[in-house]
PDB file of all heavy atoms in Angstrom:
ATOM      1  N   ASN A   1      74.170 310.983  29.887  1.00  0.00           N
ATOM      2  CA  ASN A   1      75.152 311.667  29.042  1.00  0.00           C
ATOM      3  C   ASN A   1      74.506 312.763  28.199  1.00  0.00           C
ATOM      4  O   ASN A   1      75.057 313.860  28.068  1.00  0.00           O
ATOM      5  CB  ASN A   1      75.875 310.667  28.133  1.00  0.00           C
ATOM      6  CG  ASN A   1      76.895 309.830  28.876  1.00  0.00           C
ATOM      7  OD1 ASN A   1      77.344 310.177  29.966  1.00  0.00           O
ATOM      8  ND2 ASN A   1      77.257 308.704  28.294  1.00  0.00           N
ATOM      9  N   ILE A   2      73.338 312.486  27.647  1.00  0.00           N
ATOM     10  CA  ILE A   2      72.644 313.476  26.817  1.00  0.00           C
ATOM     11  C   ILE A   2      72.228 314.678  27.659  1.00  0.00           C
ATOM     12  O   ILE A   2      72.435 315.825  27.267  1.00  0.00           O
ATOM     13  CB  ILE A   2      71.417 312.842  26.121  1.00  0.00           C
ATOM     14  CG1 ILE A   2      71.879 311.855  25.045  1.00  0.00           C
ATOM     15  CG2 ILE A   2      70.511 313.914  25.521  1.00  0.00           C
ATOM     16  CD1 ILE A   2      70.770 310.962  24.502  1.00  0.00           C
ATOM     17  N   VAL A   3      71.667 314.416  28.827  1.00  0.00           N
ATOM     18  CA  VAL A   3      71.156 315.487  29.683  1.00  0.00           C
ATOM     19  C   VAL A   3      72.280 316.350  30.257  1.00  0.00           C
ATOM     20  O   VAL A   3      72.132 317.562  30.372  1.00  0.00           O
ATOM     21  CB  VAL A   3      70.290 314.889  30.818  1.00  0.00           C
ATOM     22  CG1 VAL A   3      69.926 315.927  31.861  1.00  0.00           C
ATOM     23  CG2 VAL A   3      69.037 314.258  30.236  1.00  0.00           C
ATOM     24  N   THR A   4      73.407 315.728  30.596  1.00  0.00           N
ATOM     25  CA  THR A   4      74.467 316.445  31.307  1.00  0.00           C
ATOM     26  C   THR A   4      75.692 316.781  30.465  1.00  0.00           C
ATOM     27  O   THR A   4      76.547 317.540  30.918  1.00  0.00           O
ATOM     28  CB  THR A   4      74.946 315.633  32.522  1.00  0.00           C
ATOM     29  OG1 THR A   4      75.489 314.390  32.057  1.00  0.00           O
ATOM     30  CG2 THR A   4      73.814 315.385  33.500  1.00  0.00           C
ATOM     31  N   GLY A   5      75.811 316.197  29.287  1.00  0.00           N
ATOM     32  CA  GLY A   5      76.988 316.454  28.457  1.00  0.00           C
ATOM     33  C   GLY A   5      78.206 315.652  28.875  1.00  0.00           C
ATOM     34  O   GLY A   5      79.324 315.935  28.443  1.00  0.00           O
ATOM     35  N   THR A   6      78.001 314.643  29.701  1.00  0.00           N
ATOM     36  CA  THR A   6      79.108 313.793  30.136  1.00  0.00           C
ATOM     37  C   THR A   6      79.364 312.694  29.105  1.00  0.00           C
ATOM     38  O   THR A   6      78.617 312.541  28.138  1.00  0.00           O
ATOM     39  CB  THR A   6      78.797 313.139  31.500  1.00  0.00           C
ATOM     40  OG1 THR A   6      77.554 312.440  31.403  1.00  0.00           O
ATOM     41  CG2 THR A   6      78.723 314.178  32.608  1.00  0.00           C
ATOM     42  N   ASP A   7      80.419 311.930  29.347  1.00  0.00           N
ATOM     43  CA  ASP A   7      80.745 310.786  28.498  1.00  0.00           C
ATOM     44  C   ASP A   7      80.996 309.567  29.387  1.00  0.00           C
ATOM     45  O   ASP A   7      82.062 308.971  29.356  1.00  0.00           O
ATOM     46  CB  ASP A   7      81.966 311.089  27.629  1.00  0.00           C
ATOM     47  CG  ASP A   7      82.241 310.011  26.595  1.00  0.00           C
ATOM     48  OD1 ASP A   7      81.290 309.294  26.203  1.00  0.00           O
ATOM     49  OD2 ASP A   7      83.414 309.862  26.186  1.00  0.00           O
ATOM     50  N   LEU A   8      79.989 309.225  30.186  1.00  0.00           N
ATOM     51  CA  LEU A   8      80.122 308.063  31.061  1.00  0.00           C
ATOM     52  C   LEU A   8      80.078 306.792  30.223  1.00  0.00           C
ATOM     53  O   LEU A   8      79.404 306.728  29.209  1.00  0.00           O
ATOM     54  CB  LEU A   8      78.988 308.034  32.086  1.00  0.00           C
ATOM     55  CG  LEU A   8      78.902 309.204  33.058  1.00  0.00           C
ATOM     56  CD1 LEU A   8      77.724 309.014  34.007  1.00  0.00           C
ATOM     57  CD2 LEU A   8      80.188 309.372  33.831  1.00  0.00           C
ATOM     58  N   LYS A   9      80.814 305.797  30.713  1.00  0.00           N
ATOM     59  CA  LYS A   9      80.844 304.490  30.051  1.00  0.00           C
ATOM     60  C   LYS A   9      80.575 303.408  31.090  1.00  0.00           C
ATOM     61  O   LYS A   9      80.912 303.561  32.265  1.00  0.00           O
ATOM     62  CB  LYS A   9      82.203 304.268  29.401  1.00  0.00           C
ATOM     63  CG  LYS A   9      82.477 305.243  28.269  1.00  0.00           C
ATOM     64  CD  LYS A   9      83.858 305.038  27.677  1.00  0.00           C
ATOM     65  CE  LYS A   9      84.151 305.913  26.496  1.00  0.00           C
ATOM     66  NZ  LYS A   9      83.743 307.287  26.560  1.00  0.00           N
ATOM     67  N   GLN A  10      79.974 302.327  30.655  1.00  0.00           N
ATOM     68  CA  GLN A  10      79.595 301.242  31.552  1.00  0.00           C
ATOM     69  C   GLN A  10      80.805 300.616  32.247  1.00  0.00           C
ATOM     70  O   GLN A  10      80.688 300.068  33.337  1.00  0.00           O
ATOM     71  CB  GLN A  10      78.815 300.182  30.792  1.00  0.00           C
ATOM     72  CG  GLN A  10      78.149 299.177  31.698  1.00  0.00           C
ATOM     73  CD  GLN A  10      77.091 298.360  30.988  1.00  0.00           C
ATOM     74  OE1 GLN A  10      76.803 298.589  29.827  1.00  0.00           O
ATOM     75  NE2 GLN A  10      76.513 297.418  31.691  1.00  0.00           N
ATOM     76  N   THR A  11      81.979 300.712  31.650  1.00  0.00           N
ATOM     77  CA  THR A  11      83.183 300.090  32.207  1.00  0.00           C
ATOM     78  C   THR A  11      83.877 300.955  33.262  1.00  0.00           C
ATOM     79  O   THR A  11      84.854 300.516  33.861  1.00  0.00           O
ATOM     80  CB  THR A  11      84.185 299.796  31.077  1.00  0.00           C
ATOM     81  OG1 THR A  11      84.475 301.016  30.385  1.00  0.00           O
ATOM     82  CG2 THR A  11      83.632 298.771  30.105  1.00  0.00           C
ATOM     83  N   MET A  12      83.363 302.157  33.506  1.00  0.00           N
ATOM     84  CA  MET A  12      84.003 303.068  34.465  1.00  0.00           C
ATOM     85  C   MET A  12      83.792 302.594  35.900  1.00  0.00           C
ATOM     86  O   MET A  12      82.750 302.049  36.234  1.00  0.00           O
ATOM     87  CB  MET A  12      83.432 304.483  34.333  1.00  0.00           C
ATOM     88  CG  MET A  12      83.842 305.206  33.093  1.00  0.00           C
ATOM     89  SD  MET A  12      83.117 306.875  33.066  1.00  0.00           S
ATOM     90  CE  MET A  12      84.210 307.664  31.893  1.00  0.00           C
ATOM     91  N   THR A  13      84.807 302.865  36.723  1.00  0.00           N
ATOM     92  CA  THR A  13      84.646 302.671  38.156  1.00  0.00           C
ATOM     93  C   THR A  13      83.822 303.833  38.707  1.00  0.00           C
ATOM     94  O   THR A  13      83.607 304.840  38.018  1.00  0.00           O
ATOM     95  CB  THR A  13      86.012 302.657  38.871  1.00  0.00           C
ATOM     96  OG1 THR A  13      86.622 303.950  38.734  1.00  0.00           O
ATOM     97  CG2 THR A  13      86.935 301.571  38.311  1.00  0.00           C
ATOM     98  N   PHE A  14      83.403 303.715  39.954  1.00  0.00           N
ATOM     99  CA  PHE A  14      82.652 304.789  40.601  1.00  0.00           C
ATOM    100  C   PHE A  14      83.467 306.087  40.548  1.00  0.00           C
ATOM    101  O   PHE A  14      82.948 307.131  40.158  1.00  0.00           O
ATOM    102  CB  PHE A  14      82.336 304.392  42.046  1.00  0.00           C
ATOM    103  CG  PHE A  14      81.581 305.439  42.815  1.00  0.00           C
ATOM    104  CD1 PHE A  14      80.226 305.622  42.622  1.00  0.00           C
ATOM    105  CD2 PHE A  14      82.234 306.227  43.750  1.00  0.00           C
ATOM    106  CE1 PHE A  14      79.520 306.584  43.342  1.00  0.00           C
ATOM    107  CE2 PHE A  14      81.538 307.191  44.476  1.00  0.00           C
ATOM    108  CZ  PHE A  14      80.186 307.367  44.269  1.00  0.00           C
ATOM    109  N   GLN A  15      84.739 306.020  40.929  1.00  0.00           N
ATOM    110  CA  GLN A  15      85.570 307.227  40.959  1.00  0.00           C
ATOM    111  C   GLN A  15      85.777 307.812  39.567  1.00  0.00           C
ATOM    112  O   GLN A  15      85.757 309.037  39.398  1.00  0.00           O
ATOM    113  CB  GLN A  15      86.924 306.951  41.625  1.00  0.00           C
ATOM    114  CG  GLN A  15      87.726 308.213  41.872  1.00  0.00           C
ATOM    115  CD  GLN A  15      86.990 309.234  42.725  1.00  0.00           C
ATOM    116  OE1 GLN A  15      86.559 308.909  43.837  1.00  0.00           O
ATOM    117  NE2 GLN A  15      86.813 310.438  42.236  1.00  0.00           N
ATOM    118  N   GLU A  16      85.977 306.979  38.563  1.00  0.00           N
ATOM    119  CA  GLU A  16      86.125 307.475  37.190  1.00  0.00           C
ATOM    120  C   GLU A  16      84.862 308.202  36.736  1.00  0.00           C
ATOM    121  O   GLU A  16      84.935 309.244  36.084  1.00  0.00           O
ATOM    122  CB  GLU A  16      86.436 306.329  36.229  1.00  0.00           C
ATOM    123  CG  GLU A  16      87.824 305.750  36.388  1.00  0.00           C
ATOM    124  CD  GLU A  16      88.034 304.467  35.602  1.00  0.00           C
ATOM    125  OE1 GLU A  16      87.047 303.747  35.316  1.00  0.00           O
ATOM    126  OE2 GLU A  16      89.202 304.178  35.283  1.00  0.00           O
ATOM    127  N   ALA A  17      83.709 307.658  37.085  1.00  0.00           N
ATOM    128  CA  ALA A  17      82.441 308.294  36.713  1.00  0.00           C
ATOM    129  C   ALA A  17      82.299 309.643  37.410  1.00  0.00           C
ATOM    130  O   ALA A  17      81.903 310.637  36.783  1.00  0.00           O
ATOM    131  CB  ALA A  17      81.271 307.378  37.051  1.00  0.00           C
ATOM    132  N   ILE A  18      82.627 309.707  38.698  1.00  0.00           N
ATOM    133  CA  ILE A  18      82.544 310.969  39.436  1.00  0.00           C
ATOM    134  C   ILE A  18      83.517 311.989  38.854  1.00  0.00           C
ATOM    135  O   ILE A  18      83.186 313.166  38.691  1.00  0.00           O
ATOM    136  CB  ILE A  18      82.818 310.757  40.944  1.00  0.00           C
ATOM    137  CG1 ILE A  18      81.819 309.778  41.540  1.00  0.00           C
ATOM    138  CG2 ILE A  18      82.799 312.090  41.698  1.00  0.00           C
ATOM    139  CD1 ILE A  18      80.383 310.036  41.192  1.00  0.00           C
ATOM    140  N   ASP A  19      84.715 311.552  38.522  1.00  0.00           N
ATOM    141  CA  ASP A  19      85.697 312.457  37.898  1.00  0.00           C
ATOM    142  C   ASP A  19      85.147 313.037  36.597  1.00  0.00           C
ATOM    143  O   ASP A  19      85.297 314.236  36.332  1.00  0.00           O
ATOM    144  CB  ASP A  19      87.019 311.728  37.626  1.00  0.00           C
ATOM    145  CG  ASP A  19      87.794 311.405  38.900  1.00  0.00           C
ATOM    146  OD1 ASP A  19      87.467 311.969  39.974  1.00  0.00           O
ATOM    147  OD2 ASP A  19      88.717 310.567  38.815  1.00  0.00           O
ATOM    148  N   GLU A  20      84.504 312.206  35.785  1.00  0.00           N
ATOM    149  CA  GLU A  20      83.917 312.670  34.525  1.00  0.00           C
ATOM    150  C   GLU A  20      82.791 313.671  34.796  1.00  0.00           C
ATOM    151  O   GLU A  20      82.689 314.705  34.125  1.00  0.00           O
ATOM    152  CB  GLU A  20      83.401 311.489  33.700  1.00  0.00           C
ATOM    153  CG  GLU A  20      82.611 311.854  32.463  1.00  0.00           C
ATOM    154  CD  GLU A  20      83.384 312.633  31.398  1.00  0.00           C
ATOM    155  OE1 GLU A  20      84.640 312.662  31.442  1.00  0.00           O
ATOM    156  OE2 GLU A  20      82.729 313.225  30.521  1.00  0.00           O
ATOM    157  N   ILE A  21      81.951 313.375  35.769  1.00  0.00           N
ATOM    158  CA  ILE A  21      80.861 314.284  36.124  1.00  0.00           C
ATOM    159  C   ILE A  21      81.423 315.631  36.575  1.00  0.00           C
ATOM    160  O   ILE A  21      80.945 316.683  36.156  1.00  0.00           O
ATOM    161  CB  ILE A  21      79.964 313.634  37.210  1.00  0.00           C
ATOM    162  CG1 ILE A  21      79.183 312.468  36.596  1.00  0.00           C
ATOM    163  CG2 ILE A  21      79.045 314.653  37.851  1.00  0.00           C
ATOM    164  CD1 ILE A  21      78.511 311.556  37.616  1.00  0.00           C
ATOM    165  N   GLU A  22      82.461 315.593  37.391  1.00  0.00           N
ATOM    166  CA  GLU A  22      83.082 316.836  37.864  1.00  0.00           C
ATOM    167  C   GLU A  22      83.815 317.572  36.739  1.00  0.00           C
ATOM    168  O   GLU A  22      83.765 318.800  36.667  1.00  0.00           O
ATOM    169  CB  GLU A  22      84.015 316.548  39.034  1.00  0.00           C
ATOM    170  CG  GLU A  22      83.249 316.165  40.276  1.00  0.00           C
ATOM    171  CD  GLU A  22      84.130 315.838  41.468  1.00  0.00           C
ATOM    172  OE1 GLU A  22      85.363 315.726  41.314  1.00  0.00           O
ATOM    173  OE2 GLU A  22      83.556 315.693  42.573  1.00  0.00           O
ATOM    174  N   ASN A  23      84.486 316.837  35.864  1.00  0.00           N
ATOM    175  CA  ASN A  23      85.184 317.464  34.733  1.00  0.00           C
ATOM    176  C   ASN A  23      84.225 318.220  33.824  1.00  0.00           C
ATOM    177  O   ASN A  23      84.587 319.245  33.243  1.00  0.00           O
ATOM    178  CB  ASN A  23      85.964 316.426  33.918  1.00  0.00           C
ATOM    179  CG  ASN A  23      87.193 315.928  34.633  1.00  0.00           C
ATOM    180  OD1 ASN A  23      87.697 316.562  35.567  1.00  0.00           O
ATOM    181  ND2 ASN A  23      87.687 314.776  34.218  1.00  0.00           N
ATOM    182  N   GLU A  24      83.006 317.715  33.701  1.00  0.00           N
ATOM    183  CA  GLU A  24      81.996 318.367  32.858  1.00  0.00           C
ATOM    184  C   GLU A  24      81.187 319.400  33.644  1.00  0.00           C
ATOM    185  O   GLU A  24      80.238 319.967  33.118  1.00  0.00           O
ATOM    186  CB  GLU A  24      81.067 317.326  32.233  1.00  0.00           C
ATOM    187  CG  GLU A  24      81.752 316.461  31.196  1.00  0.00           C
ATOM    188  CD  GLU A  24      82.367 317.261  30.056  1.00  0.00           C
ATOM    189  OE1 GLU A  24      81.753 318.251  29.599  1.00  0.00           O
ATOM    190  OE2 GLU A  24      83.482 316.894  29.638  1.00  0.00           O
ATOM    191  N   GLU A  25      81.601 319.617  34.898  1.00  0.00           N
ATOM    192  CA  GLU A  25      81.000 320.639  35.756  1.00  0.00           C
ATOM    193  C   GLU A  25      79.487 320.472  35.930  1.00  0.00           C
ATOM    194  O   GLU A  25      78.732 321.438  35.926  1.00  0.00           O
ATOM    195  CB  GLU A  25      81.354 322.040  35.256  1.00  0.00           C
ATOM    196  CG  GLU A  25      82.853 322.291  35.262  1.00  0.00           C
ATOM    197  CD  GLU A  25      83.257 323.672  34.776  1.00  0.00           C
ATOM    198  OE1 GLU A  25      82.396 324.459  34.352  1.00  0.00           O
ATOM    199  OE2 GLU A  25      84.472 323.944  34.816  1.00  0.00           O
ATOM    200  N   VAL A  26      79.070 319.222  36.100  1.00  0.00           N
ATOM    201  CA  VAL A  26      77.674 318.937  36.413  1.00  0.00           C
ATOM    202  C   VAL A  26      77.449 319.357  37.865  1.00  0.00           C
ATOM    203  O   VAL A  26      78.208 318.972  38.755  1.00  0.00           O
ATOM    204  CB  VAL A  26      77.359 317.433  36.229  1.00  0.00           C
ATOM    205  CG1 VAL A  26      75.945 317.120  36.683  1.00  0.00           C
ATOM    206  CG2 VAL A  26      77.580 317.015  34.780  1.00  0.00           C
ATOM    207  N   ASN A  27      76.447 320.169  38.096  1.00  0.00           N
ATOM    208  CA  ASN A  27      76.139 320.616  39.455  1.00  0.00           C
ATOM    209  C   ASN A  27      75.424 319.510  40.206  1.00  0.00           C
ATOM    210  O   ASN A  27      74.347 319.085  39.809  1.00  0.00           O
ATOM    211  CB  ASN A  27      75.255 321.865  39.430  1.00  0.00           C
ATOM    212  CG  ASN A  27      75.981 323.056  38.861  1.00  0.00           C
ATOM    213  OD1 ASN A  27      77.157 323.245  39.098  1.00  0.00           O
ATOM    214  ND2 ASN A  27      75.270 323.864  38.097  1.00  0.00           N
ATOM    215  N   TYR A  28      76.053 319.057  41.294  1.00  0.00           N
ATOM    216  CA  TYR A  28      75.399 318.044  42.105  1.00  0.00           C
ATOM    217  C   TYR A  28      75.614 318.347  43.581  1.00  0.00           C
ATOM    218  O   TYR A  28      76.606 318.950  43.971  1.00  0.00           O
ATOM    219  CB  TYR A  28      75.867 316.636  41.748  1.00  0.00           C
ATOM    220  CG  TYR A  28      77.280 316.283  42.163  1.00  0.00           C
ATOM    221  CD1 TYR A  28      77.524 315.683  43.386  1.00  0.00           C
ATOM    222  CD2 TYR A  28      78.358 316.525  41.324  1.00  0.00           C
ATOM    223  CE1 TYR A  28      78.809 315.341  43.766  1.00  0.00           C
ATOM    224  CE2 TYR A  28      79.642 316.193  41.696  1.00  0.00           C
ATOM    225  CZ  TYR A  28      79.871 315.595  42.916  1.00  0.00           C
ATOM    226  OH  TYR A  28      81.154 315.262  43.301  1.00  0.00           O
ATOM    227  N   PHE A  29      74.644 317.932  44.376  1.00  0.00           N
ATOM    228  CA  PHE A  29      74.709 318.130  45.815  1.00  0.00           C
ATOM    229  C   PHE A  29      75.381 316.942  46.499  1.00  0.00           C
ATOM    230  O   PHE A  29      76.195 317.105  47.393  1.00  0.00           O
ATOM    231  CB  PHE A  29      73.298 318.348  46.378  1.00  0.00           C
ATOM    232  CG  PHE A  29      73.266 318.395  47.880  1.00  0.00           C
ATOM    233  CD1 PHE A  29      73.766 319.490  48.557  1.00  0.00           C
ATOM    234  CD2 PHE A  29      72.767 317.328  48.603  1.00  0.00           C
ATOM    235  CE1 PHE A  29      73.771 319.521  49.940  1.00  0.00           C
ATOM    236  CE2 PHE A  29      72.755 317.357  49.991  1.00  0.00           C
ATOM    237  CZ  PHE A  29      73.261 318.452  50.659  1.00  0.00           C
TER     238      PHE A  29
END
């Protein structure tokens, strides 16, 4: 979260975490 500016939480599902990563426009391959 600190490195990428995301707000991931331990209770998130895989898809919720990916949605958060994409919403914060983290560049990933």
